[in-house]
């Protein structure tokens, strides 16, 4: 189900206060001082999106309640796949292959880390095919951030690379990526990895 078909969960300042164990005025002060992102209703009341509350809590080392985490996981679009690779020919090839073999997915493409960051926030893809050898950005670090950022809903990340992986980087892949494939890609292996990850969504073992 696409994100725009879901009901978006927002929190009042009082609900934020209750979650954080503070009084209502403290939550209001956080908003007024620019610490917690919020918007104002026509009636002048503050409202906070779940992803903004999650980011606020995470940055301050505060526990993120299961209610907020579950909202973010439901908000992710499991039928959207983001392909991140600066090799435009391979990126386009992957797009055409997925559209043919796995037509249920809406495909979004990014050719650098900046574009990837924008699409991660805007589209909340459930699956990401990520080339870690991106210009101007540490692909390993990007993978870690994708998995650590609770506002992104913890999508599946499949890493692809044509480089030899240094020993010190293998821990990043084993700890943060859901699958790893070397270039040149074996598309049958890629299909198998995606289908295995799909099972976790269908069986609700992941969400």
C-alpha atoms as a PDB file:
ATOM      1  CA  UNK A   1       0.000   0.000   0.000  1.00  0.00           C
ATOM      2  CA  UNK A   2       1.390   3.384  -0.937  1.00  0.00           C
ATOM      3  CA  UNK A   3       2.217   5.918   1.701  1.00  0.00           C
ATOM      4  CA  UNK A   4      -0.353   8.425   0.501  1.00  0.00           C
ATOM      5  CA  UNK A   5      -3.095   5.845   1.055  1.00  0.00           C
ATOM      6  CA  UNK A   6      -2.303   5.558   4.757  1.00  0.00           C
ATOM      7  CA  UNK A   7      -3.561   7.716   7.549  1.00  0.00           C
ATOM      8  CA  UNK A   8      -0.733   9.927   8.764  1.00  0.00           C
ATOM      9  CA  UNK A   9      -0.260   9.868  12.541  1.00  0.00           C
ATOM     10  CA  UNK A  10       0.448  13.155  14.268  1.00  0.00           C
ATOM     11  CA  UNK A  11       0.940  13.969  17.939  1.00  0.00           C
ATOM     12  CA  UNK A  12      -0.245  16.903  20.017  1.00  0.00           C
ATOM     13  CA  UNK A  13       2.139  18.744  22.332  1.00  0.00           C
ATOM     14  CA  UNK A  14       0.452  17.017  25.266  1.00  0.00           C
ATOM     15  CA  UNK A  15       0.962  13.584  23.720  1.00  0.00           C
ATOM     16  CA  UNK A  16       4.619  14.439  23.106  1.00  0.00           C
ATOM     17  CA  UNK A  17       4.936  15.503  26.734  1.00  0.00           C
ATOM     18  CA  UNK A  18       3.391  12.253  27.951  1.00  0.00           C
ATOM     19  CA  UNK A  19       5.700  10.179  25.736  1.00  0.00           C
ATOM     20  CA  UNK A  20       8.760  12.054  26.982  1.00  0.00           C
ATOM     21  CA  UNK A  21       7.686  12.135  30.624  1.00  0.00           C
ATOM     22  CA  UNK A  22       7.598  15.920  30.877  1.00  0.00           C
ATOM     23  CA  UNK A  23       4.911  18.536  31.437  1.00  0.00           C
ATOM     24  CA  UNK A  24       3.010  19.990  28.507  1.00  0.00           C
ATOM     25  CA  UNK A  25       4.777  23.353  28.714  1.00  0.00           C
ATOM     26  CA  UNK A  26       8.175  21.714  28.295  1.00  0.00           C
ATOM     27  CA  UNK A  27       7.080  20.127  25.008  1.00  0.00           C
ATOM     28  CA  UNK A  28       5.703  23.478  23.871  1.00  0.00           C
ATOM     29  CA  UNK A  29       9.010  25.151  24.735  1.00  0.00           C
ATOM     30  CA  UNK A  30      10.908  22.554  22.704  1.00  0.00           C
ATOM     31  CA  UNK A  31       8.731  23.445  19.724  1.00  0.00           C
ATOM     32  CA  UNK A  32       8.916  27.206  20.211  1.00  0.00           C
ATOM     33  CA  UNK A  33      12.696  27.111  20.619  1.00  0.00           C
ATOM     34  CA  UNK A  34      13.118  25.144  17.395  1.00  0.00           C
ATOM     35  CA  UNK A  35      14.308  21.920  19.013  1.00  0.00           C
ATOM     36  CA  UNK A  36      11.275  19.889  17.933  1.00  0.00           C
ATOM     37  CA  UNK A  37       9.854  20.368  14.458  1.00  0.00           C
ATOM     38  CA  UNK A  38       6.105  20.974  14.441  1.00  0.00           C
ATOM     39  CA  UNK A  39       3.317  22.739  12.581  1.00  0.00           C
ATOM     40  CA  UNK A  40       0.384  24.798  13.807  1.00  0.00           C
ATOM     41  CA  UNK A  41      -3.280  24.001  13.190  1.00  0.00           C
ATOM     42  CA  UNK A  42      -5.739  26.747  12.180  1.00  0.00           C
ATOM     43  CA  UNK A  43      -6.791  26.781  15.836  1.00  0.00           C
ATOM     44  CA  UNK A  44      -3.233  27.546  16.982  1.00  0.00           C
ATOM     45  CA  UNK A  45      -2.414  24.103  18.357  1.00  0.00           C
ATOM     46  CA  UNK A  46       0.974  22.451  17.798  1.00  0.00           C
ATOM     47  CA  UNK A  47       1.133  19.136  15.973  1.00  0.00           C
ATOM     48  CA  UNK A  48       4.167  16.875  15.457  1.00  0.00           C
ATOM     49  CA  UNK A  49       4.667  14.198  12.795  1.00  0.00           C
ATOM     50  CA  UNK A  50       5.836  10.786  13.997  1.00  0.00           C
ATOM     51  CA  UNK A  51       9.110  10.961  12.038  1.00  0.00           C
ATOM     52  CA  UNK A  52       9.964  14.363  13.532  1.00  0.00           C
ATOM     53  CA  UNK A  53       9.264  13.122  17.039  1.00  0.00           C
ATOM     54  CA  UNK A  54      11.379  10.042  16.376  1.00  0.00           C
ATOM     55  CA  UNK A  55      14.315  12.127  15.128  1.00  0.00           C
ATOM     56  CA  UNK A  56      14.042  14.431  18.140  1.00  0.00           C
ATOM     57  CA  UNK A  57      14.151  11.506  20.570  1.00  0.00           C
ATOM     58  CA  UNK A  58      16.950   9.749  18.706  1.00  0.00           C
ATOM     59  CA  UNK A  59      19.218  12.808  18.602  1.00  0.00           C
ATOM     60  CA  UNK A  60      18.877  13.207  22.361  1.00  0.00           C
ATOM     61  CA  UNK A  61      19.434   9.566  23.198  1.00  0.00           C
ATOM     62  CA  UNK A  62      15.883   9.151  24.482  1.00  0.00           C
ATOM     63  CA  UNK A  63      14.018   5.886  24.120  1.00  0.00           C
ATOM     64  CA  UNK A  64      11.684   5.770  21.135  1.00  0.00           C
ATOM     65  CA  UNK A  65       8.379   4.207  22.232  1.00  0.00           C
ATOM     66  CA  UNK A  66       7.090   1.158  20.392  1.00  0.00           C
ATOM     67  CA  UNK A  67       4.022   3.142  19.326  1.00  0.00           C
ATOM     68  CA  UNK A  68       6.179   5.608  17.393  1.00  0.00           C
ATOM     69  CA  UNK A  69       8.453   2.906  15.945  1.00  0.00           C
ATOM     70  CA  UNK A  70       5.489   0.853  14.754  1.00  0.00           C
ATOM     71  CA  UNK A  71       3.916   3.898  13.111  1.00  0.00           C
ATOM     72  CA  UNK A  72       7.107   4.551  11.175  1.00  0.00           C
ATOM     73  CA  UNK A  73       7.382   0.948  10.054  1.00  0.00           C
ATOM     74  CA  UNK A  74       3.774   1.001   8.834  1.00  0.00           C
ATOM     75  CA  UNK A  75       4.472   4.273   7.034  1.00  0.00           C
ATOM     76  CA  UNK A  76       7.220   2.765   4.887  1.00  0.00           C
ATOM     77  CA  UNK A  77       6.212   1.931   1.308  1.00  0.00           C
ATOM     78  CA  UNK A  78       7.064  -1.732   0.826  1.00  0.00           C
ATOM     79  CA  UNK A  79       6.033  -1.530  -2.829  1.00  0.00           C
ATOM     80  CA  UNK A  80       8.646   1.111  -3.655  1.00  0.00           C
ATOM     81  CA  UNK A  81      12.271   0.330  -4.476  1.00  0.00           C
ATOM     82  CA  UNK A  82      15.090   2.879  -4.609  1.00  0.00           C
ATOM     83  CA  UNK A  83      18.082   2.129  -6.849  1.00  0.00           C
ATOM     84  CA  UNK A  84      21.204   4.101  -5.941  1.00  0.00           C
ATOM     85  CA  UNK A  85      24.101   3.836  -8.381  1.00  0.00           C
ATOM     86  CA  UNK A  86      26.120   6.523 -10.154  1.00  0.00           C
ATOM     87  CA  UNK A  87      26.575   4.183 -13.135  1.00  0.00           C
ATOM     88  CA  UNK A  88      23.563   5.379 -15.126  1.00  0.00           C
ATOM     89  CA  UNK A  89      23.697   2.482 -17.554  1.00  0.00           C
ATOM     90  CA  UNK A  90      23.551  -0.096 -14.745  1.00  0.00           C
ATOM     91  CA  UNK A  91      20.994   1.951 -12.827  1.00  0.00           C
ATOM     92  CA  UNK A  92      18.702   2.022 -15.857  1.00  0.00           C
ATOM     93  CA  UNK A  93      19.323  -1.668 -16.518  1.00  0.00           C
ATOM     94  CA  UNK A  94      18.342  -2.521 -12.953  1.00  0.00           C
ATOM     95  CA  UNK A  95      15.205  -0.415 -13.275  1.00  0.00           C
ATOM     96  CA  UNK A  96      14.112  -2.186 -16.460  1.00  0.00           C
ATOM     97  CA  UNK A  97      14.923  -5.598 -14.967  1.00  0.00           C
ATOM     98  CA  UNK A  98      12.904  -5.001 -11.794  1.00  0.00           C
ATOM     99  CA  UNK A  99       9.966  -3.584 -13.752  1.00  0.00           C
ATOM    100  CA  UNK A 100       9.946  -6.731 -15.909  1.00  0.00           C
ATOM    101  CA  UNK A 101      10.625  -9.385 -13.257  1.00  0.00           C
ATOM    102  CA  UNK A 102       8.997  -7.751 -10.228  1.00  0.00           C
ATOM    103  CA  UNK A 103       6.371  -5.435 -11.725  1.00  0.00           C
ATOM    104  CA  UNK A 104       4.637  -4.651  -8.444  1.00  0.00           C
ATOM    105  CA  UNK A 105       7.430  -2.268  -7.455  1.00  0.00           C
ATOM    106  CA  UNK A 106       7.439   1.441  -8.124  1.00  0.00           C
ATOM    107  CA  UNK A 107      11.046   2.245  -9.015  1.00  0.00           C
ATOM    108  CA  UNK A 108      12.843   5.401  -7.954  1.00  0.00           C
ATOM    109  CA  UNK A 109      16.365   6.143  -9.149  1.00  0.00           C
ATOM    110  CA  UNK A 110      19.172   8.141  -7.571  1.00  0.00           C
ATOM    111  CA  UNK A 111      22.631   8.662  -9.010  1.00  0.00           C
ATOM    112  CA  UNK A 112      24.428  10.068  -5.969  1.00  0.00           C
ATOM    113  CA  UNK A 113      24.137  10.279  -2.208  1.00  0.00           C
ATOM    114  CA  UNK A 114      22.374  13.640  -2.264  1.00  0.00           C
ATOM    115  CA  UNK A 115      19.578  12.392  -4.516  1.00  0.00           C
ATOM    116  CA  UNK A 116      19.332   9.225  -2.442  1.00  0.00           C
ATOM    117  CA  UNK A 117      18.877  11.235   0.750  1.00  0.00           C
ATOM    118  CA  UNK A 118      16.056  13.264  -0.755  1.00  0.00           C
ATOM    119  CA  UNK A 119      14.235  10.190  -2.028  1.00  0.00           C
ATOM    120  CA  UNK A 120      14.640   8.317   1.245  1.00  0.00           C
ATOM    121  CA  UNK A 121      12.795  11.092   3.050  1.00  0.00           C
ATOM    122  CA  UNK A 122      10.218  11.843   0.361  1.00  0.00           C
ATOM    123  CA  UNK A 123       9.313   8.327  -0.760  1.00  0.00           C
ATOM    124  CA  UNK A 124      10.096   6.058   2.212  1.00  0.00           C
ATOM    125  CA  UNK A 125      11.081   3.081  -0.004  1.00  0.00           C
ATOM    126  CA  UNK A 126      10.884  -0.353   1.567  1.00  0.00           C
ATOM    127  CA  UNK A 127      13.738  -1.742  -0.534  1.00  0.00           C
ATOM    128  CA  UNK A 128      17.032  -0.086  -1.474  1.00  0.00           C
ATOM    129  CA  UNK A 129      19.640  -1.373  -3.904  1.00  0.00           C
ATOM    130  CA  UNK A 130      22.732   0.588  -2.906  1.00  0.00           C
ATOM    131  CA  UNK A 131      26.088   0.855  -4.672  1.00  0.00           C
ATOM    132  CA  UNK A 132      28.525   1.681  -1.878  1.00  0.00           C
ATOM    133  CA  UNK A 133      31.077   3.165  -4.285  1.00  0.00           C
ATOM    134  CA  UNK A 134      29.352   6.538  -4.726  1.00  0.00           C
ATOM    135  CA  UNK A 135      31.157   9.784  -5.562  1.00  0.00           C
ATOM    136  CA  UNK A 136      31.497  12.282  -2.734  1.00  0.00           C
ATOM    137  CA  UNK A 137      29.998  10.077  -0.029  1.00  0.00           C
ATOM    138  CA  UNK A 138      30.947   7.083   2.085  1.00  0.00           C
ATOM    139  CA  UNK A 139      28.519   4.409   0.928  1.00  0.00           C
ATOM    140  CA  UNK A 140      29.185   2.290   4.008  1.00  0.00           C
ATOM    141  CA  UNK A 141      28.274   5.209   6.233  1.00  0.00           C
ATOM    142  CA  UNK A 142      25.150   5.878   4.187  1.00  0.00           C
ATOM    143  CA  UNK A 143      24.073   2.264   4.677  1.00  0.00           C
ATOM    144  CA  UNK A 144      24.582   2.552   8.425  1.00  0.00           C
ATOM    145  CA  UNK A 145      22.644   5.814   8.615  1.00  0.00           C
ATOM    146  CA  UNK A 146      19.738   4.366   6.641  1.00  0.00           C
ATOM    147  CA  UNK A 147      19.432   1.529   9.121  1.00  0.00           C
ATOM    148  CA  UNK A 148      19.987   3.649  12.222  1.00  0.00           C
ATOM    149  CA  UNK A 149      17.581   6.468  11.341  1.00  0.00           C
ATOM    150  CA  UNK A 150      14.233   5.439  12.869  1.00  0.00           C
ATOM    151  CA  UNK A 151      12.347   8.016  10.797  1.00  0.00           C
ATOM    152  CA  UNK A 152      13.076   5.982   7.649  1.00  0.00           C
ATOM    153  CA  UNK A 153      11.254   2.920   8.999  1.00  0.00           C
ATOM    154  CA  UNK A 154      14.209   0.520   8.636  1.00  0.00           C
ATOM    155  CA  UNK A 155      13.987  -0.452   4.946  1.00  0.00           C
ATOM    156  CA  UNK A 156      15.816  -3.440   3.507  1.00  0.00           C
ATOM    157  CA  UNK A 157      19.214  -2.570   2.010  1.00  0.00           C
ATOM    158  CA  UNK A 158      20.896  -4.691  -0.642  1.00  0.00           C
ATOM    159  CA  UNK A 159      24.492  -3.577  -1.160  1.00  0.00           C
ATOM    160  CA  UNK A 160      26.164  -3.959  -4.545  1.00  0.00           C
ATOM    161  CA  UNK A 161      29.773  -3.153  -5.408  1.00  0.00           C
ATOM    162  CA  UNK A 162      32.479  -3.918  -7.909  1.00  0.00           C
ATOM    163  CA  UNK A 163      35.229  -3.177  -5.397  1.00  0.00           C
ATOM    164  CA  UNK A 164      37.122  -5.456  -3.074  1.00  0.00           C
ATOM    165  CA  UNK A 165      35.737  -4.881   0.395  1.00  0.00           C
ATOM    166  CA  UNK A 166      38.350  -4.011   3.031  1.00  0.00           C
ATOM    167  CA  UNK A 167      38.295  -6.206   6.116  1.00  0.00           C
ATOM    168  CA  UNK A 168      37.352  -3.311   8.373  1.00  0.00           C
ATOM    169  CA  UNK A 169      34.327  -2.577   6.176  1.00  0.00           C
ATOM    170  CA  UNK A 170      32.927  -6.106   6.189  1.00  0.00           C
ATOM    171  CA  UNK A 171      31.483  -5.540   9.644  1.00  0.00           C
ATOM    172  CA  UNK A 172      29.434  -2.651   8.275  1.00  0.00           C
ATOM    173  CA  UNK A 173      27.894  -4.917   5.675  1.00  0.00           C
ATOM    174  CA  UNK A 174      27.240  -7.791   8.058  1.00  0.00           C
ATOM    175  CA  UNK A 175      25.735  -5.498  10.702  1.00  0.00           C
ATOM    176  CA  UNK A 176      23.726  -3.079   8.564  1.00  0.00           C
ATOM    177  CA  UNK A 177      23.008  -4.520   5.120  1.00  0.00           C
ATOM    178  CA  UNK A 178      20.372  -7.180   4.539  1.00  0.00           C
ATOM    179  CA  UNK A 179      22.180  -8.647   1.538  1.00  0.00           C
ATOM    180  CA  UNK A 180      25.379  -8.162  -0.431  1.00  0.00           C
ATOM    181  CA  UNK A 181      26.086  -8.855  -4.107  1.00  0.00           C
ATOM    182  CA  UNK A 182      29.292  -8.353  -6.071  1.00  0.00           C
ATOM    183  CA  UNK A 183      29.459  -6.839  -9.535  1.00  0.00           C
ATOM    184  CA  UNK A 184      29.033  -7.937 -12.239  1.00  0.00           C
ATOM    185  CA  UNK A 185      25.610  -8.707 -10.850  1.00  0.00           C
ATOM    186  CA  UNK A 186      24.024 -12.109 -10.975  1.00  0.00           C
ATOM    187  CA  UNK A 187      20.411 -11.100 -11.551  1.00  0.00           C
ATOM    188  CA  UNK A 188      19.070 -14.489 -10.489  1.00  0.00           C
ATOM    189  CA  UNK A 189      20.809 -14.031  -7.131  1.00  0.00           C
ATOM    190  CA  UNK A 190      19.396 -10.531  -6.840  1.00  0.00           C
ATOM    191  CA  UNK A 191      15.893 -11.839  -7.485  1.00  0.00           C
ATOM    192  CA  UNK A 192      16.363 -14.526  -4.831  1.00  0.00           C
ATOM    193  CA  UNK A 193      17.529 -11.974  -2.251  1.00  0.00           C
ATOM    194  CA  UNK A 194      14.562  -9.689  -2.926  1.00  0.00           C
ATOM    195  CA  UNK A 195      12.067 -12.554  -2.717  1.00  0.00           C
ATOM    196  CA  UNK A 196      13.546 -13.742   0.576  1.00  0.00           C
ATOM    197  CA  UNK A 197      13.235 -10.243   2.026  1.00  0.00           C
ATOM    198  CA  UNK A 198       9.677  -9.989   0.716  1.00  0.00           C
ATOM    199  CA  UNK A 199       8.758 -13.008   2.831  1.00  0.00           C
ATOM    200  CA  UNK A 200       9.663 -11.091   5.981  1.00  0.00           C
ATOM    201  CA  UNK A 201       7.190  -8.391   5.047  1.00  0.00           C
ATOM    202  CA  UNK A 202       4.425 -10.832   4.084  1.00  0.00           C
ATOM    203  CA  UNK A 203       4.919 -12.869   7.249  1.00  0.00           C
ATOM    204  CA  UNK A 204       5.111  -9.636   9.271  1.00  0.00           C
ATOM    205  CA  UNK A 205       8.311 -10.917  10.814  1.00  0.00           C
ATOM    206  CA  UNK A 206       9.962  -7.599  10.044  1.00  0.00           C
ATOM    207  CA  UNK A 207       7.158  -5.139  10.753  1.00  0.00           C
END
